[in-house]
């Protein structure tokens, strides 16, 4: 099944609103009118309003980097799905390895967020991935399998069109290391197999699985050529309009 590539930029805790506005202006000018590859930018919460206004007239989608599972309440410092929707956010990154590592998020808590996201008609970019220690111990598939199965508990088949999965080997995030094309494809293939077991083969064949471990212009074409890699969740390279758009160009060439 043909799946449209998604190239999503995770800006993490970088850029003021003014800097974010300048970056998204550059991205809009370079790729904001094409529709062959889906593009999404995920600025920090403080930049969501200005970036929302900038992408309103372009084909670039707006994503957030996190959200709380509850719709409202005494959760100081948190942001709800409805707050994101009010800013025309369409995607939300959930379960990123940095959230798991630094903020104690678990498969169960991430699952709560994933379900809350789809109930608000947001597209969860659901992140999974193993640490270096887990890979070296031969536990990659066990770890990733548990993250998928536990993170998607009670996920309704009727909302599979909203789901995006992002495989991000933790040892390749921000380190400059990247899984080889074959290593990445091996895990993506296994993830799709697990999704088939949960939702059925036909449904699983329509779910996009992004690669999120230091994808950059130099390696994007090779990774995107793999049959089960459907785009990228881009970290550092998304902070440069040229690098980010070069990855989009690689996706356009591969999609063609």
Protein backbone atom coordinates (compact mmCIF):
# COMPACT_ATOMS: atom_id res chain seq x y z
CA UNK A 1 0.00 0.00 0.00
CA UNK A 2 1.25 3.46 -0.88
CA UNK A 3 1.74 5.64 2.21
CA UNK A 4 2.44 9.36 1.85
CA UNK A 5 5.71 10.34 3.48
CA UNK A 6 5.55 12.51 6.59
CA UNK A 7 8.55 14.65 7.49
CA UNK A 8 8.05 16.15 10.97
CA UNK A 9 10.41 18.58 12.67
CA UNK A 10 10.79 18.33 16.46
CA UNK A 11 12.31 21.66 17.52
CA UNK A 12 12.53 20.49 21.16
CA UNK A 13 13.37 23.26 23.69
CA UNK A 14 14.79 25.64 21.10
CA UNK A 15 13.83 28.96 19.49
CA UNK A 16 11.98 31.97 20.81
CA UNK A 17 8.69 32.96 19.14
CA UNK A 18 10.53 35.43 16.89
CA UNK A 19 13.12 32.81 15.90
CA UNK A 20 10.35 30.29 15.30
CA UNK A 21 8.51 32.74 13.06
CA UNK A 22 11.65 33.31 11.00
CA UNK A 23 12.28 29.57 10.62
CA UNK A 24 8.75 28.69 9.58
CA UNK A 25 8.75 31.60 7.09
CA UNK A 26 11.79 30.01 5.43
CA UNK A 27 10.20 26.55 5.44
CA UNK A 28 6.99 27.96 3.97
CA UNK A 29 8.87 29.69 1.19
CA UNK A 30 10.83 26.56 0.30
CA UNK A 31 8.20 23.84 0.63
CA UNK A 32 4.96 25.33 1.91
CA UNK A 33 2.95 24.78 -1.27
CA UNK A 34 3.79 21.18 -2.19
CA UNK A 35 1.43 18.38 -1.15
CA UNK A 36 3.24 15.22 -2.32
CA UNK A 37 5.03 14.88 1.03
CA UNK A 38 3.27 15.84 4.26
CA UNK A 39 5.29 18.30 6.36
CA UNK A 40 4.78 19.08 10.04
CA UNK A 41 6.66 21.39 12.41
CA UNK A 42 6.56 20.96 16.19
CA UNK A 43 7.75 24.10 17.99
CA UNK A 44 7.84 24.59 21.77
CA UNK A 45 4.53 25.58 23.38
CA UNK A 46 5.50 29.27 23.58
CA UNK A 47 5.87 29.42 19.79
CA UNK A 48 2.70 27.57 18.85
CA UNK A 49 0.52 30.70 18.43
CA UNK A 50 2.88 32.51 16.08
CA UNK A 51 3.71 29.40 14.06
CA UNK A 52 0.01 28.56 13.84
CA UNK A 53 -0.66 31.91 12.20
CA UNK A 54 2.26 31.41 9.82
CA UNK A 55 1.19 27.98 8.53
CA UNK A 56 -2.50 28.86 8.24
CA UNK A 57 -2.21 29.61 4.53
CA UNK A 58 0.36 26.92 3.70
CA UNK A 59 0.36 23.13 3.42
CA UNK A 60 2.63 22.79 6.48
CA UNK A 61 0.96 21.12 9.46
CA UNK A 62 1.41 22.17 13.08
CA UNK A 63 2.39 19.76 15.83
CA UNK A 64 3.01 19.99 19.57
CA UNK A 65 5.72 18.19 21.52
CA UNK A 66 3.59 16.83 24.38
CA UNK A 67 0.21 17.07 26.09
CA UNK A 68 -1.53 15.92 29.26
CA UNK A 69 -4.03 13.10 29.22
CA UNK A 70 -6.65 15.02 31.22
CA UNK A 71 -8.84 17.67 29.56
CA UNK A 72 -8.32 20.24 32.35
CA UNK A 73 -7.52 20.53 36.03
CA UNK A 74 -4.86 21.23 38.63
CA UNK A 75 -1.85 20.15 36.56
CA UNK A 76 0.54 23.08 36.80
CA UNK A 77 2.74 23.48 33.76
CA UNK A 78 0.74 21.09 31.58
CA UNK A 79 -1.23 21.61 28.36
CA UNK A 80 -4.42 19.83 27.29
CA UNK A 81 -5.56 18.51 23.94
CA UNK A 82 -8.29 21.14 23.75
CA UNK A 83 -5.72 23.90 24.28
CA UNK A 84 -3.73 22.51 21.37
CA UNK A 85 -6.81 22.21 19.19
CA UNK A 86 -7.63 25.87 19.85
CA UNK A 87 -4.32 26.74 18.14
CA UNK A 88 -5.12 24.49 15.16
CA UNK A 89 -2.55 21.90 16.14
CA UNK A 90 -3.09 18.68 14.18
CA UNK A 91 -0.27 16.41 15.46
CA UNK A 92 1.26 15.79 18.88
CA UNK A 93 4.47 13.93 19.71
CA UNK A 94 3.84 11.44 22.52
CA UNK A 95 6.22 9.08 24.30
CA UNK A 96 9.43 10.66 23.03
CA UNK A 97 12.46 8.99 24.59
CA UNK A 98 13.40 12.24 26.33
CA UNK A 99 9.99 12.27 28.01
CA UNK A 100 10.48 8.66 29.06
CA UNK A 101 14.06 9.24 30.26
CA UNK A 102 13.84 12.63 31.98
CA UNK A 103 10.20 12.85 33.04
CA UNK A 104 9.40 9.28 34.01
CA UNK A 105 6.76 8.60 31.37
CA UNK A 106 5.74 4.96 31.13
CA UNK A 107 4.00 2.86 28.51
CA UNK A 108 0.81 3.17 30.57
CA UNK A 109 0.95 6.96 30.96
CA UNK A 110 1.79 7.37 27.27
CA UNK A 111 -1.15 5.15 26.38
CA UNK A 112 -3.45 7.50 28.32
CA UNK A 113 -2.15 10.42 26.30
CA UNK A 114 -2.51 8.58 22.99
CA UNK A 115 -6.15 7.79 23.71
CA UNK A 116 -6.81 11.37 24.86
CA UNK A 117 -5.23 12.68 21.65
CA UNK A 118 -7.41 10.66 19.30
CA UNK A 119 -10.49 11.50 21.33
CA UNK A 120 -9.66 15.14 20.57
CA UNK A 121 -9.07 14.30 16.89
CA UNK A 122 -5.32 14.92 17.19
CA UNK A 123 -2.82 12.74 15.36
CA UNK A 124 -0.46 11.11 17.88
CA UNK A 125 3.13 10.70 16.72
CA UNK A 126 3.71 7.76 19.04
CA UNK A 127 7.41 7.25 19.77
CA UNK A 128 9.14 3.98 20.57
CA UNK A 129 12.76 2.89 20.73
CA UNK A 130 15.48 1.06 22.65
CA UNK A 131 18.55 2.26 24.53
CA UNK A 132 22.11 1.29 23.60
CA UNK A 133 22.24 -1.15 26.52
CA UNK A 134 19.02 -2.82 25.40
CA UNK A 135 20.27 -3.14 21.81
CA UNK A 136 23.62 -4.58 22.89
CA UNK A 137 21.78 -7.08 25.09
CA UNK A 138 19.73 -8.23 22.11
CA UNK A 139 16.49 -6.89 23.59
CA UNK A 140 15.51 -4.41 20.86
CA UNK A 141 12.48 -6.33 19.60
CA UNK A 142 11.30 -7.20 23.12
CA UNK A 143 11.48 -3.57 24.25
CA UNK A 144 9.91 -2.12 21.11
CA UNK A 145 7.23 -4.80 21.08
CA UNK A 146 6.22 -4.05 24.66
CA UNK A 147 6.14 -0.31 23.95
CA UNK A 148 3.83 -0.84 20.97
CA UNK A 149 1.49 -3.31 22.65
CA UNK A 150 1.23 -1.43 25.95
CA UNK A 151 1.21 2.03 24.40
CA UNK A 152 -1.70 1.17 22.10
CA UNK A 153 -3.93 -0.66 24.58
CA UNK A 154 -7.61 -0.02 23.74
CA UNK A 155 -6.68 1.94 20.61
CA UNK A 156 -9.78 1.77 18.38
CA UNK A 157 -9.39 0.48 14.84
CA UNK A 158 -11.75 3.24 13.74
CA UNK A 159 -9.05 5.83 14.51
CA UNK A 160 -6.10 4.19 12.76
CA UNK A 161 -6.08 6.92 10.14
CA UNK A 162 -4.87 9.28 12.91
CA UNK A 163 -2.02 7.09 14.17
CA UNK A 164 1.63 7.74 13.31
CA UNK A 165 4.39 5.62 14.88
CA UNK A 166 7.97 6.89 15.17
CA UNK A 167 10.84 4.48 15.79
CA UNK A 168 13.71 6.34 17.42
CA UNK A 169 16.65 4.26 18.63
CA UNK A 170 17.59 6.18 21.78
CA UNK A 171 21.30 5.65 21.14
CA UNK A 172 21.00 7.52 17.83
CA UNK A 173 19.22 10.66 19.09
CA UNK A 174 21.43 13.74 19.16
CA UNK A 175 24.56 11.58 19.07
CA UNK A 176 25.29 11.75 15.37
CA UNK A 177 25.00 7.96 15.27
CA UNK A 178 22.41 6.49 12.97
CA UNK A 179 21.09 3.01 12.49
CA UNK A 180 22.12 1.63 9.12
CA UNK A 181 19.38 1.47 6.53
CA UNK A 182 19.13 -2.26 7.12
CA UNK A 183 19.02 -1.94 10.93
CA UNK A 184 16.25 0.65 10.73
CA UNK A 185 14.24 -1.37 8.21
CA UNK A 186 14.54 -4.50 10.35
CA UNK A 187 12.89 -2.78 13.31
CA UNK A 188 10.30 -1.01 11.16
CA UNK A 189 9.34 -4.33 9.60
CA UNK A 190 8.97 -5.90 13.05
CA UNK A 191 6.86 -2.97 14.26
CA UNK A 192 4.55 -3.36 11.28
CA UNK A 193 4.29 -7.07 12.04
CA UNK A 194 3.25 -6.26 15.62
CA UNK A 195 0.70 -3.72 14.35
CA UNK A 196 -0.63 -6.47 12.06
CA UNK A 197 -1.10 -8.75 15.04
CA UNK A 198 -3.04 -6.02 16.87
CA UNK A 199 -5.09 -4.47 14.08
CA UNK A 200 -4.85 -6.86 11.12
CA UNK A 201 -2.54 -6.86 8.14
CA UNK A 202 -4.56 -4.54 5.94
CA UNK A 203 -4.87 -1.88 8.62
CA UNK A 204 -1.20 -2.14 9.58
CA UNK A 205 -0.15 -1.63 5.98
CA UNK A 206 -1.73 1.84 6.05
CA UNK A 207 -0.02 3.08 9.26
CA UNK A 208 2.98 5.34 8.74
CA UNK A 209 6.12 4.45 10.69
CA UNK A 210 8.71 7.24 10.82
CA UNK A 211 12.41 6.90 11.56
CA UNK A 212 13.57 9.26 14.32
CA UNK A 213 17.25 8.70 14.97
CA UNK A 214 19.45 11.48 13.56
CA UNK A 215 17.98 11.54 10.06
CA UNK A 216 19.74 14.25 8.08
CA UNK A 217 20.21 15.22 4.42
CA UNK A 218 23.20 12.91 4.05
CA UNK A 219 21.35 9.74 5.04
CA UNK A 220 17.70 10.57 4.33
CA UNK A 221 17.48 9.07 0.84
CA UNK A 222 18.84 5.69 1.91
CA UNK A 223 16.56 5.45 4.93
CA UNK A 224 13.47 6.63 3.04
CA UNK A 225 14.09 4.05 0.31
CA UNK A 226 13.36 1.25 2.81
CA UNK A 227 9.93 -0.36 2.28
CA UNK A 228 8.66 0.16 5.84
CA UNK A 229 10.09 3.64 6.53
CA UNK A 230 7.45 6.25 5.79
CA UNK A 231 9.20 9.47 6.74
CA UNK A 232 11.21 11.00 9.52
CA UNK A 233 10.86 12.63 12.92
CA UNK A 234 13.68 15.13 12.58
CA UNK A 235 15.46 16.68 15.57
CA UNK A 236 18.59 18.79 15.11
CA UNK A 237 18.32 19.01 11.34
CA UNK A 238 14.85 20.56 11.63
CA UNK A 239 16.33 23.74 13.17
CA UNK A 240 17.90 24.62 9.81
CA UNK A 241 15.44 25.38 7.02
CA UNK A 242 17.96 24.18 4.43
CA UNK A 243 18.65 20.86 6.15
CA UNK A 244 14.98 20.24 6.86
CA UNK A 245 13.91 21.06 3.33
CA UNK A 246 16.74 18.97 1.88
CA UNK A 247 15.24 16.00 3.74
CA UNK A 248 11.83 16.88 2.30
CA UNK A 249 13.43 16.96 -1.16
CA UNK A 250 14.88 13.49 -0.54
CA UNK A 251 11.39 12.31 0.37
CA UNK A 252 9.93 13.89 -2.75
CA UNK A 253 12.54 12.16 -4.92
CA UNK A 254 11.92 8.81 -3.25
CA UNK A 255 8.14 9.16 -3.36
CA UNK A 256 8.33 9.85 -7.09
